[in-house]
Amino acid sequence: MTLSPDQEEALARKARMVAVVIAVTMVLWMGAQWLGGQVGMQTKYVFLFDLATLAAFIWAMINTYQIWRMRRDSRG
């Protein structure tokens, strides 16, 4: 079973969203780490940024796995 063009487009859109989330998350996390060091932010707030970053990366990994499975299943 192959995917229809609409399904392929939906998977491509989902993959682009994952890529954007990974890139933006990394840039924001690095900025937060730098800013936290400059202003002497408390450790508990820095850990909140770290946890939010981990949540975004876990979301990206789950969606990447779903994309992989859908493409693999479409090949038979």
C-alpha atoms as a PDB file:
ATOM      1  CA  MET A   1       0.000   0.000   0.000  1.00  0.00           C
ATOM      2  CA  THR A   2       1.422   3.358  -0.967  1.00  0.00           C
ATOM      3  CA  LEU A   3       0.489   6.697   0.438  1.00  0.00           C
ATOM      4  CA  SER A   4      -1.690   9.064  -1.535  1.00  0.00           C
ATOM      5  CA  PRO A   5      -0.237  12.432  -2.532  1.00  0.00           C
ATOM      6  CA  ASP A   6      -2.320  14.089   0.197  1.00  0.00           C
ATOM      7  CA  GLN A   7      -0.911  11.726   2.819  1.00  0.00           C
ATOM      8  CA  GLU A   8       2.630  12.305   1.557  1.00  0.00           C
ATOM      9  CA  GLU A   9       2.076  16.050   1.801  1.00  0.00           C
ATOM     10  CA  ALA A  10       0.727  15.690   5.345  1.00  0.00           C
ATOM     11  CA  LEU A  11       3.781  13.663   6.365  1.00  0.00           C
ATOM     12  CA  ALA A  12       6.106  16.217   4.790  1.00  0.00           C
ATOM     13  CA  ARG A  13       4.304  19.014   6.631  1.00  0.00           C
ATOM     14  CA  LYS A  14       4.608  17.087   9.895  1.00  0.00           C
ATOM     15  CA  ALA A  15       8.328  16.493   9.275  1.00  0.00           C
ATOM     16  CA  ARG A  16       8.892  20.201   8.600  1.00  0.00           C
ATOM     17  CA  MET A  17       7.080  21.048  11.842  1.00  0.00           C
ATOM     18  CA  VAL A  18       9.334  18.660  13.759  1.00  0.00           C
ATOM     19  CA  ALA A  19      12.417  20.244  12.186  1.00  0.00           C
ATOM     20  CA  VAL A  20      11.246  23.756  13.095  1.00  0.00           C
ATOM     21  CA  VAL A  21      10.463  22.717  16.671  1.00  0.00           C
ATOM     22  CA  ILE A  22      13.926  21.172  17.094  1.00  0.00           C
ATOM     23  CA  ALA A  23      15.720  24.209  15.644  1.00  0.00           C
ATOM     24  CA  VAL A  24      13.716  26.816  17.566  1.00  0.00           C
ATOM     25  CA  THR A  25      13.937  24.833  20.802  1.00  0.00           C
ATOM     26  CA  MET A  26      17.709  24.586  20.553  1.00  0.00           C
ATOM     27  CA  VAL A  27      18.137  28.305  19.838  1.00  0.00           C
ATOM     28  CA  LEU A  28      15.786  29.308  22.662  1.00  0.00           C
ATOM     29  CA  TRP A  29      17.469  26.924  25.098  1.00  0.00           C
ATOM     30  CA  MET A  30      20.934  28.279  24.276  1.00  0.00           C
ATOM     31  CA  GLY A  31      19.628  31.828  24.631  1.00  0.00           C
ATOM     32  CA  ALA A  32      18.040  31.028  27.972  1.00  0.00           C
ATOM     33  CA  GLN A  33      21.271  29.451  29.224  1.00  0.00           C
ATOM     34  CA  TRP A  34      23.276  32.480  28.165  1.00  0.00           C
ATOM     35  CA  LEU A  35      20.756  34.938  29.612  1.00  0.00           C
ATOM     36  CA  GLY A  36      20.537  32.984  32.862  1.00  0.00           C
ATOM     37  CA  GLY A  37      24.303  33.196  33.260  1.00  0.00           C
ATOM     38  CA  GLN A  38      24.347  36.915  32.533  1.00  0.00           C
ATOM     39  CA  VAL A  39      21.628  37.903  35.008  1.00  0.00           C
ATOM     40  CA  GLY A  40      22.410  35.303  37.670  1.00  0.00           C
ATOM     41  CA  MET A  41      19.100  33.494  37.329  1.00  0.00           C
ATOM     42  CA  GLN A  42      18.194  31.082  40.109  1.00  0.00           C
ATOM     43  CA  THR A  43      18.862  27.430  39.427  1.00  0.00           C
ATOM     44  CA  LYS A  44      15.212  26.431  39.725  1.00  0.00           C
ATOM     45  CA  TYR A  45      14.296  28.668  36.782  1.00  0.00           C
ATOM     46  CA  VAL A  46      17.154  27.335  34.689  1.00  0.00           C
ATOM     47  CA  PHE A  47      15.862  23.805  35.357  1.00  0.00           C
ATOM     48  CA  LEU A  48      12.416  24.899  34.154  1.00  0.00           C
ATOM     49  CA  PHE A  49      13.972  25.896  30.826  1.00  0.00           C
ATOM     50  CA  ASP A  50      15.756  22.548  30.717  1.00  0.00           C
ATOM     51  CA  LEU A  51      12.536  20.637  31.392  1.00  0.00           C
ATOM     52  CA  ALA A  52      10.658  22.594  28.725  1.00  0.00           C
ATOM     53  CA  THR A  53      13.460  21.797  26.279  1.00  0.00           C
ATOM     54  CA  LEU A  54      13.314  18.110  27.147  1.00  0.00           C
ATOM     55  CA  ALA A  55       9.550  18.116  26.650  1.00  0.00           C
ATOM     56  CA  ALA A  56       9.940  19.656  23.188  1.00  0.00           C
ATOM     57  CA  PHE A  57      12.605  17.119  22.225  1.00  0.00           C
ATOM     58  CA  ILE A  58      10.485  14.217  23.478  1.00  0.00           C
ATOM     59  CA  TRP A  59       7.566  15.540  21.416  1.00  0.00           C
ATOM     60  CA  ALA A  60       9.858  15.734  18.378  1.00  0.00           C
ATOM     61  CA  MET A  61      11.124  12.184  18.914  1.00  0.00           C
ATOM     62  CA  ILE A  62       7.589  10.799  19.222  1.00  0.00           C
ATOM     63  CA  ASN A  63       6.501  12.555  16.038  1.00  0.00           C
ATOM     64  CA  THR A  64       9.620  11.440  14.182  1.00  0.00           C
ATOM     65  CA  TYR A  65       8.867   7.848  15.186  1.00  0.00           C
ATOM     66  CA  GLN A  66       5.280   8.229  13.969  1.00  0.00           C
ATOM     67  CA  ILE A  67       6.483   9.560  10.606  1.00  0.00           C
ATOM     68  CA  TRP A  68       8.953   6.709  10.279  1.00  0.00           C
ATOM     69  CA  ARG A  69       6.286   4.113  11.083  1.00  0.00           C
ATOM     70  CA  MET A  70       3.788   5.589   8.613  1.00  0.00           C
ATOM     71  CA  ARG A  71       6.361   5.596   5.806  1.00  0.00           C
ATOM     72  CA  ARG A  72       7.540   2.076   6.667  1.00  0.00           C
ATOM     73  CA  ASP A  73       3.987   0.724   6.837  1.00  0.00           C
ATOM     74  CA  SER A  74       3.107   2.304   3.506  1.00  0.00           C
ATOM     75  CA  ARG A  75       5.835   0.265   1.771  1.00  0.00           C
ATOM     76  CA  GLY A  76       4.302  -3.005   2.812  1.00  0.00           C
END
